[in-house]
Amino acid sequence: MREIQSYYYESGAEAHQFETMPAHEERLRRQRERRERERKMRARINARMLRAKKTHMISLLASILVLGLFFTAFIYLQNGITASMQNVSGMQKEISDLKAENAAIESRIATTAGLDRIRKKAMKKLGMKYATSKQIQYYSMTDEDYMSQYTESDK
Protein backbone atom coordinates (compact mmCIF):
# COMPACT_ATOMS: atom_id res chain seq x y z
CA MET A 1 0.00 0.00 0.00
CA ARG A 2 0.95 3.41 -0.66
CA GLU A 3 1.17 5.87 2.18
CA ILE A 4 -0.69 9.13 1.71
CA GLN A 5 1.16 12.20 2.79
CA SER A 6 -0.43 15.49 3.54
CA TYR A 7 1.21 18.80 2.96
CA TYR A 8 -0.03 22.01 4.44
CA TYR A 9 0.73 25.37 3.03
CA GLU A 10 0.93 28.31 5.37
CA SER A 11 1.27 31.79 4.04
CA GLY A 12 3.61 34.23 5.65
CA ALA A 13 7.26 34.91 5.89
CA GLU A 14 7.93 33.29 9.21
CA ALA A 15 9.92 30.20 9.50
CA HIS A 16 8.18 27.12 10.81
CA GLN A 17 8.76 26.26 14.43
CA PHE A 18 9.29 22.70 15.34
CA GLU A 19 7.72 21.31 18.45
CA THR A 20 9.33 18.79 20.63
CA MET A 21 7.33 15.77 21.64
CA PRO A 22 6.73 16.88 25.28
CA ALA A 23 5.62 20.35 24.13
CA HIS A 24 3.27 18.78 21.60
CA GLU A 25 1.78 16.51 24.25
CA GLU A 26 1.44 19.49 26.61
CA ARG A 27 -0.40 21.48 23.92
CA LEU A 28 -2.74 18.52 23.24
CA ARG A 29 -3.36 18.07 26.99
CA ARG A 30 -4.27 21.78 27.35
CA GLN A 31 -6.62 21.48 24.35
CA ARG A 32 -8.28 18.43 25.94
CA GLU A 33 -8.61 20.25 29.27
CA ARG A 34 -10.05 23.31 27.54
CA ARG A 35 -12.55 21.14 25.62
CA GLU A 36 -13.43 19.33 28.87
CA ARG A 37 -13.98 22.67 30.69
CA GLU A 38 -16.13 23.90 27.79
CA ARG A 39 -18.12 20.65 27.83
CA LYS A 40 -18.66 20.93 31.61
CA MET A 41 -19.63 24.59 31.22
CA ARG A 42 -22.17 23.69 28.49
CA ALA A 43 -23.48 20.89 30.71
CA ARG A 44 -23.93 23.32 33.65
CA ILE A 45 -25.61 25.87 31.39
CA ASN A 46 -27.89 23.19 29.93
CA ALA A 47 -28.75 21.91 33.43
CA ARG A 48 -29.49 25.47 34.59
CA MET A 49 -31.70 26.06 31.54
CA LEU A 50 -33.46 22.74 32.13
CA ARG A 51 -34.16 23.69 35.78
CA ALA A 52 -35.43 27.09 34.63
CA LYS A 53 -37.70 25.42 32.06
CA LYS A 54 -39.03 22.98 34.68
CA THR A 55 -39.67 25.84 37.12
CA HIS A 56 -41.39 27.85 34.42
CA MET A 57 -43.52 24.85 33.41
CA ILE A 58 -44.52 24.13 37.02
CA SER A 59 -45.47 27.77 37.63
CA LEU A 60 -47.42 27.82 34.35
CA LEU A 61 -49.32 24.65 35.29
CA ALA A 62 -50.02 26.03 38.77
CA SER A 63 -51.35 29.26 37.23
CA ILE A 64 -53.58 27.30 34.86
CA LEU A 65 -54.85 25.19 37.75
CA VAL A 66 -55.62 28.26 39.88
CA LEU A 67 -57.42 29.96 36.97
CA GLY A 68 -59.37 26.77 36.27
CA LEU A 69 -60.45 26.56 39.90
CA PHE A 70 -61.36 30.25 39.90
CA PHE A 71 -63.53 29.95 36.78
CA THR A 72 -65.14 26.75 38.05
CA ALA A 73 -66.05 28.46 41.33
CA PHE A 74 -67.30 31.51 39.42
CA ILE A 75 -69.57 29.40 37.21
CA TYR A 76 -70.82 27.45 40.24
CA LEU A 77 -71.68 30.66 42.10
CA GLN A 78 -73.27 32.18 38.98
CA ASN A 79 -75.50 29.12 38.61
CA GLY A 80 -76.45 29.37 42.29
CA ILE A 81 -77.37 33.04 41.88
CA THR A 82 -79.44 32.27 38.78
CA ALA A 83 -81.29 29.47 40.57
CA SER A 84 -81.94 31.74 43.58
CA MET A 85 -83.24 34.52 41.33
CA GLN A 86 -85.60 32.10 39.60
CA ASN A 87 -86.77 30.83 42.98
CA VAL A 88 -87.36 34.40 44.21
CA SER A 89 -89.21 35.27 41.00
CA GLY A 90 -91.48 32.26 41.41
CA MET A 91 -92.16 33.14 45.05
CA GLN A 92 -92.93 36.77 44.13
CA LYS A 93 -95.42 35.60 41.51
CA GLU A 94 -96.99 33.27 44.05
CA ILE A 95 -97.19 36.13 46.59
CA SER A 96 -98.84 38.48 44.07
CA ASP A 97 -101.32 35.75 43.09
CA LEU A 98 -102.16 35.10 46.75
CA LYS A 99 -102.51 38.84 47.45
CA ALA A 100 -104.90 39.25 44.51
CA GLU A 101 -106.89 36.22 45.66
CA ASN A 102 -106.98 37.54 49.25
CA ALA A 103 -108.14 40.97 48.08
CA ALA A 104 -110.93 39.41 46.00
CA ILE A 105 -112.05 37.20 48.88
CA GLU A 106 -111.92 40.10 51.39
CA SER A 107 -113.97 42.25 49.03
CA ARG A 108 -116.52 39.51 48.53
CA ILE A 109 -116.71 38.88 52.28
CA ALA A 110 -117.00 42.59 53.07
CA THR A 111 -119.77 43.21 50.58
CA THR A 112 -121.70 40.01 51.21
CA ALA A 113 -121.51 39.71 54.95
CA GLY A 114 -121.70 43.41 55.64
CA LEU A 115 -124.68 44.17 53.42
CA ASP A 116 -126.60 41.07 54.48
CA ARG A 117 -126.04 41.82 58.16
CA ILE A 118 -127.12 45.44 57.71
CA ARG A 119 -130.25 44.43 55.75
CA LYS A 120 -131.23 41.82 58.35
CA LYS A 121 -130.69 44.22 61.27
CA ALA A 122 -132.59 47.00 59.52
CA MET A 123 -135.58 44.79 58.74
CA LYS A 124 -135.79 42.73 61.90
CA LYS A 125 -134.54 44.94 64.73
CA LEU A 126 -135.35 48.37 63.39
CA GLY A 127 -138.49 47.43 61.45
CA MET A 128 -137.38 49.03 58.20
CA LYS A 129 -138.74 48.04 54.80
CA TYR A 130 -137.66 48.55 51.21
CA ALA A 131 -138.63 51.95 49.80
CA THR A 132 -141.69 52.15 47.60
CA SER A 133 -141.81 54.02 44.32
CA LYS A 134 -143.65 56.92 46.03
CA GLN A 135 -140.83 57.38 48.52
CA ILE A 136 -138.10 57.72 45.85
CA GLN A 137 -137.32 61.26 44.77
CA TYR A 138 -135.28 62.18 41.71
CA TYR A 139 -133.49 65.46 41.15
CA SER A 140 -131.51 66.95 38.27
CA MET A 141 -128.35 68.98 38.48
CA THR A 142 -128.26 72.31 36.77
CA ASP A 143 -124.65 73.54 36.66
CA GLU A 144 -122.28 70.73 37.43
CA ASP A 145 -122.12 67.23 36.14
CA TYR A 146 -119.97 65.85 38.94
CA MET A 147 -120.06 65.70 42.69
CA SER A 148 -117.25 65.86 45.25
CA GLN A 149 -117.41 63.56 48.19
CA TYR A 150 -115.47 64.44 51.33
CA THR A 151 -114.44 62.07 54.07
CA GLU A 152 -113.65 62.92 57.66
CA SER A 153 -109.96 63.40 56.84
CA ASP A 154 -110.74 65.92 54.03
CA LYS A 155 -112.64 68.37 56.24
C-alpha atoms as a PDB file:
ATOM      1  CA  MET A   1       0.000   0.000   0.000  1.00  0.00           C
ATOM      2  CA  ARG A   2       0.954   3.409  -0.656  1.00  0.00           C
ATOM      3  CA  GLU A   3       1.172   5.873   2.176  1.00  0.00           C
ATOM      4  CA  ILE A   4      -0.687   9.131   1.708  1.00  0.00           C
ATOM      5  CA  GLN A   5       1.158  12.198   2.790  1.00  0.00           C
ATOM      6  CA  SER A   6      -0.428  15.495   3.536  1.00  0.00           C
ATOM      7  CA  TYR A   7       1.207  18.802   2.962  1.00  0.00           C
ATOM      8  CA  TYR A   8      -0.032  22.011   4.441  1.00  0.00           C
ATOM      9  CA  TYR A   9       0.728  25.375   3.031  1.00  0.00           C
ATOM     10  CA  GLU A  10       0.926  28.307   5.371  1.00  0.00           C
ATOM     11  CA  SER A  11       1.270  31.792   4.044  1.00  0.00           C
ATOM     12  CA  GLY A  12       3.614  34.227   5.654  1.00  0.00           C
ATOM     13  CA  ALA A  13       7.264  34.906   5.889  1.00  0.00           C
ATOM     14  CA  GLU A  14       7.928  33.287   9.206  1.00  0.00           C
ATOM     15  CA  ALA A  15       9.916  30.197   9.495  1.00  0.00           C
ATOM     16  CA  HIS A  16       8.178  27.120  10.813  1.00  0.00           C
ATOM     17  CA  GLN A  17       8.765  26.264  14.428  1.00  0.00           C
ATOM     18  CA  PHE A  18       9.285  22.697  15.339  1.00  0.00           C
ATOM     19  CA  GLU A  19       7.722  21.306  18.446  1.00  0.00           C
ATOM     20  CA  THR A  20       9.328  18.787  20.629  1.00  0.00           C
ATOM     21  CA  MET A  21       7.326  15.771  21.643  1.00  0.00           C
ATOM     22  CA  PRO A  22       6.729  16.876  25.277  1.00  0.00           C
ATOM     23  CA  ALA A  23       5.623  20.348  24.129  1.00  0.00           C
ATOM     24  CA  HIS A  24       3.273  18.780  21.598  1.00  0.00           C
ATOM     25  CA  GLU A  25       1.783  16.513  24.248  1.00  0.00           C
ATOM     26  CA  GLU A  26       1.442  19.495  26.609  1.00  0.00           C
ATOM     27  CA  ARG A  27      -0.395  21.482  23.919  1.00  0.00           C
ATOM     28  CA  LEU A  28      -2.737  18.519  23.240  1.00  0.00           C
ATOM     29  CA  ARG A  29      -3.356  18.074  26.992  1.00  0.00           C
ATOM     30  CA  ARG A  30      -4.266  21.784  27.346  1.00  0.00           C
ATOM     31  CA  GLN A  31      -6.621  21.482  24.353  1.00  0.00           C
ATOM     32  CA  ARG A  32      -8.282  18.434  25.942  1.00  0.00           C
ATOM     33  CA  GLU A  33      -8.608  20.246  29.275  1.00  0.00           C
ATOM     34  CA  ARG A  34     -10.050  23.314  27.539  1.00  0.00           C
ATOM     35  CA  ARG A  35     -12.546  21.138  25.624  1.00  0.00           C
ATOM     36  CA  GLU A  36     -13.429  19.331  28.871  1.00  0.00           C
ATOM     37  CA  ARG A  37     -13.984  22.675  30.689  1.00  0.00           C
ATOM     38  CA  GLU A  38     -16.133  23.899  27.793  1.00  0.00           C
ATOM     39  CA  ARG A  39     -18.118  20.649  27.831  1.00  0.00           C
ATOM     40  CA  LYS A  40     -18.665  20.928  31.605  1.00  0.00           C
ATOM     41  CA  MET A  41     -19.629  24.591  31.221  1.00  0.00           C
ATOM     42  CA  ARG A  42     -22.167  23.695  28.492  1.00  0.00           C
ATOM     43  CA  ALA A  43     -23.483  20.887  30.711  1.00  0.00           C
ATOM     44  CA  ARG A  44     -23.928  23.321  33.648  1.00  0.00           C
ATOM     45  CA  ILE A  45     -25.612  25.870  31.391  1.00  0.00           C
ATOM     46  CA  ASN A  46     -27.893  23.186  29.933  1.00  0.00           C
ATOM     47  CA  ALA A  47     -28.746  21.906  33.429  1.00  0.00           C
ATOM     48  CA  ARG A  48     -29.485  25.468  34.587  1.00  0.00           C
ATOM     49  CA  MET A  49     -31.701  26.056  31.541  1.00  0.00           C
ATOM     50  CA  LEU A  50     -33.464  22.740  32.134  1.00  0.00           C
ATOM     51  CA  ARG A  51     -34.156  23.688  35.777  1.00  0.00           C
ATOM     52  CA  ALA A  52     -35.431  27.086  34.631  1.00  0.00           C
ATOM     53  CA  LYS A  53     -37.704  25.421  32.058  1.00  0.00           C
ATOM     54  CA  LYS A  54     -39.025  22.984  34.684  1.00  0.00           C
ATOM     55  CA  THR A  55     -39.669  25.842  37.124  1.00  0.00           C
ATOM     56  CA  HIS A  56     -41.391  27.853  34.422  1.00  0.00           C
ATOM     57  CA  MET A  57     -43.524  24.850  33.406  1.00  0.00           C
ATOM     58  CA  ILE A  58     -44.520  24.134  37.019  1.00  0.00           C
ATOM     59  CA  SER A  59     -45.465  27.767  37.626  1.00  0.00           C
ATOM     60  CA  LEU A  60     -47.418  27.818  34.351  1.00  0.00           C
ATOM     61  CA  LEU A  61     -49.317  24.654  35.288  1.00  0.00           C
ATOM     62  CA  ALA A  62     -50.016  26.029  38.772  1.00  0.00           C
ATOM     63  CA  SER A  63     -51.352  29.256  37.225  1.00  0.00           C
ATOM     64  CA  ILE A  64     -53.577  27.304  34.857  1.00  0.00           C
ATOM     65  CA  LEU A  65     -54.847  25.191  37.750  1.00  0.00           C
ATOM     66  CA  VAL A  66     -55.618  28.260  39.877  1.00  0.00           C
ATOM     67  CA  LEU A  67     -57.419  29.959  36.966  1.00  0.00           C
ATOM     68  CA  GLY A  68     -59.370  26.771  36.271  1.00  0.00           C
ATOM     69  CA  LEU A  69     -60.452  26.562  39.902  1.00  0.00           C
ATOM     70  CA  PHE A  70     -61.362  30.246  39.896  1.00  0.00           C
ATOM     71  CA  PHE A  71     -63.528  29.953  36.782  1.00  0.00           C
ATOM     72  CA  THR A  72     -65.141  26.754  38.050  1.00  0.00           C
ATOM     73  CA  ALA A  73     -66.046  28.464  41.331  1.00  0.00           C
ATOM     74  CA  PHE A  74     -67.305  31.509  39.424  1.00  0.00           C
ATOM     75  CA  ILE A  75     -69.568  29.395  37.214  1.00  0.00           C
ATOM     76  CA  TYR A  76     -70.820  27.450  40.243  1.00  0.00           C
ATOM     77  CA  LEU A  77     -71.679  30.663  42.096  1.00  0.00           C
ATOM     78  CA  GLN A  78     -73.271  32.181  38.982  1.00  0.00           C
ATOM     79  CA  ASN A  79     -75.501  29.117  38.615  1.00  0.00           C
ATOM     80  CA  GLY A  80     -76.452  29.371  42.288  1.00  0.00           C
ATOM     81  CA  ILE A  81     -77.366  33.036  41.883  1.00  0.00           C
ATOM     82  CA  THR A  82     -79.445  32.273  38.776  1.00  0.00           C
ATOM     83  CA  ALA A  83     -81.293  29.471  40.573  1.00  0.00           C
ATOM     84  CA  SER A  84     -81.938  31.740  43.582  1.00  0.00           C
ATOM     85  CA  MET A  85     -83.237  34.520  41.333  1.00  0.00           C
ATOM     86  CA  GLN A  86     -85.601  32.102  39.596  1.00  0.00           C
ATOM     87  CA  ASN A  87     -86.771  30.835  42.976  1.00  0.00           C
ATOM     88  CA  VAL A  88     -87.363  34.400  44.213  1.00  0.00           C
ATOM     89  CA  SER A  89     -89.208  35.271  41.001  1.00  0.00           C
ATOM     90  CA  GLY A  90     -91.483  32.259  41.411  1.00  0.00           C
ATOM     91  CA  MET A  91     -92.163  33.137  45.048  1.00  0.00           C
ATOM     92  CA  GLN A  92     -92.926  36.773  44.134  1.00  0.00           C
ATOM     93  CA  LYS A  93     -95.419  35.603  41.511  1.00  0.00           C
ATOM     94  CA  GLU A  94     -96.989  33.274  44.049  1.00  0.00           C
ATOM     95  CA  ILE A  95     -97.195  36.131  46.585  1.00  0.00           C
ATOM     96  CA  SER A  96     -98.837  38.481  44.074  1.00  0.00           C
ATOM     97  CA  ASP A  97    -101.323  35.752  43.090  1.00  0.00           C
ATOM     98  CA  LEU A  98    -102.163  35.097  46.751  1.00  0.00           C
ATOM     99  CA  LYS A  99    -102.505  38.841  47.446  1.00  0.00           C
ATOM    100  CA  ALA A 100    -104.896  39.247  44.512  1.00  0.00           C
ATOM    101  CA  GLU A 101    -106.890  36.220  45.657  1.00  0.00           C
ATOM    102  CA  ASN A 102    -106.984  37.540  49.247  1.00  0.00           C
ATOM    103  CA  ALA A 103    -108.141  40.967  48.077  1.00  0.00           C
ATOM    104  CA  ALA A 104    -110.926  39.406  45.998  1.00  0.00           C
ATOM    105  CA  ILE A 105    -112.045  37.201  48.884  1.00  0.00           C
ATOM    106  CA  GLU A 106    -111.922  40.100  51.386  1.00  0.00           C
ATOM    107  CA  SER A 107    -113.971  42.255  49.026  1.00  0.00           C
ATOM    108  CA  ARG A 108    -116.520  39.510  48.534  1.00  0.00           C
ATOM    109  CA  ILE A 109    -116.708  38.878  52.281  1.00  0.00           C
ATOM    110  CA  ALA A 110    -116.998  42.590  53.070  1.00  0.00           C
ATOM    111  CA  THR A 111    -119.769  43.207  50.576  1.00  0.00           C
ATOM    112  CA  THR A 112    -121.699  40.015  51.205  1.00  0.00           C
ATOM    113  CA  ALA A 113    -121.506  39.709  54.946  1.00  0.00           C
ATOM    114  CA  GLY A 114    -121.704  43.411  55.639  1.00  0.00           C
ATOM    115  CA  LEU A 115    -124.684  44.169  53.423  1.00  0.00           C
ATOM    116  CA  ASP A 116    -126.604  41.066  54.482  1.00  0.00           C
ATOM    117  CA  ARG A 117    -126.039  41.822  58.157  1.00  0.00           C
ATOM    118  CA  ILE A 118    -127.122  45.441  57.709  1.00  0.00           C
ATOM    119  CA  ARG A 119    -130.246  44.426  55.750  1.00  0.00           C
ATOM    120  CA  LYS A 120    -131.226  41.824  58.353  1.00  0.00           C
ATOM    121  CA  LYS A 121    -130.689  44.224  61.275  1.00  0.00           C
ATOM    122  CA  ALA A 122    -132.594  46.996  59.523  1.00  0.00           C
ATOM    123  CA  MET A 123    -135.578  44.795  58.737  1.00  0.00           C
ATOM    124  CA  LYS A 124    -135.794  42.735  61.904  1.00  0.00           C
ATOM    125  CA  LYS A 125    -134.538  44.935  64.728  1.00  0.00           C
ATOM    126  CA  LEU A 126    -135.351  48.373  63.394  1.00  0.00           C
ATOM    127  CA  GLY A 127    -138.495  47.428  61.447  1.00  0.00           C
ATOM    128  CA  MET A 128    -137.376  49.033  58.197  1.00  0.00           C
ATOM    129  CA  LYS A 129    -138.742  48.036  54.804  1.00  0.00           C
ATOM    130  CA  TYR A 130    -137.656  48.554  51.215  1.00  0.00           C
ATOM    131  CA  ALA A 131    -138.625  51.953  49.796  1.00  0.00           C
ATOM    132  CA  THR A 132    -141.694  52.149  47.602  1.00  0.00           C
ATOM    133  CA  SER A 133    -141.806  54.025  44.319  1.00  0.00           C
ATOM    134  CA  LYS A 134    -143.648  56.921  46.032  1.00  0.00           C
ATOM    135  CA  GLN A 135    -140.830  57.377  48.520  1.00  0.00           C
ATOM    136  CA  ILE A 136    -138.102  57.716  45.855  1.00  0.00           C
ATOM    137  CA  GLN A 137    -137.321  61.257  44.773  1.00  0.00           C
ATOM    138  CA  TYR A 138    -135.278  62.178  41.707  1.00  0.00           C
ATOM    139  CA  TYR A 139    -133.490  65.461  41.151  1.00  0.00           C
ATOM    140  CA  SER A 140    -131.509  66.954  38.274  1.00  0.00           C
ATOM    141  CA  MET A 141    -128.346  68.985  38.477  1.00  0.00           C
ATOM    142  CA  THR A 142    -128.255  72.306  36.767  1.00  0.00           C
ATOM    143  CA  ASP A 143    -124.646  73.536  36.660  1.00  0.00           C
ATOM    144  CA  GLU A 144    -122.280  70.729  37.426  1.00  0.00           C
ATOM    145  CA  ASP A 145    -122.124  67.234  36.137  1.00  0.00           C
ATOM    146  CA  TYR A 146    -119.966  65.847  38.943  1.00  0.00           C
ATOM    147  CA  MET A 147    -120.062  65.699  42.687  1.00  0.00           C
ATOM    148  CA  SER A 148    -117.255  65.858  45.246  1.00  0.00           C
ATOM    149  CA  GLN A 149    -117.411  63.562  48.192  1.00  0.00           C
ATOM    150  CA  TYR A 150    -115.469  64.441  51.327  1.00  0.00           C
ATOM    151  CA  THR A 151    -114.443  62.068  54.072  1.00  0.00           C
ATOM    152  CA  GLU A 152    -113.650  62.922  57.665  1.00  0.00           C
ATOM    153  CA  SER A 153    -109.964  63.398  56.845  1.00  0.00           C
ATOM    154  CA  ASP A 154    -110.740  65.922  54.030  1.00  0.00           C
ATOM    155  CA  LYS A 155    -112.641  68.375  56.242  1.00  0.00           C
END
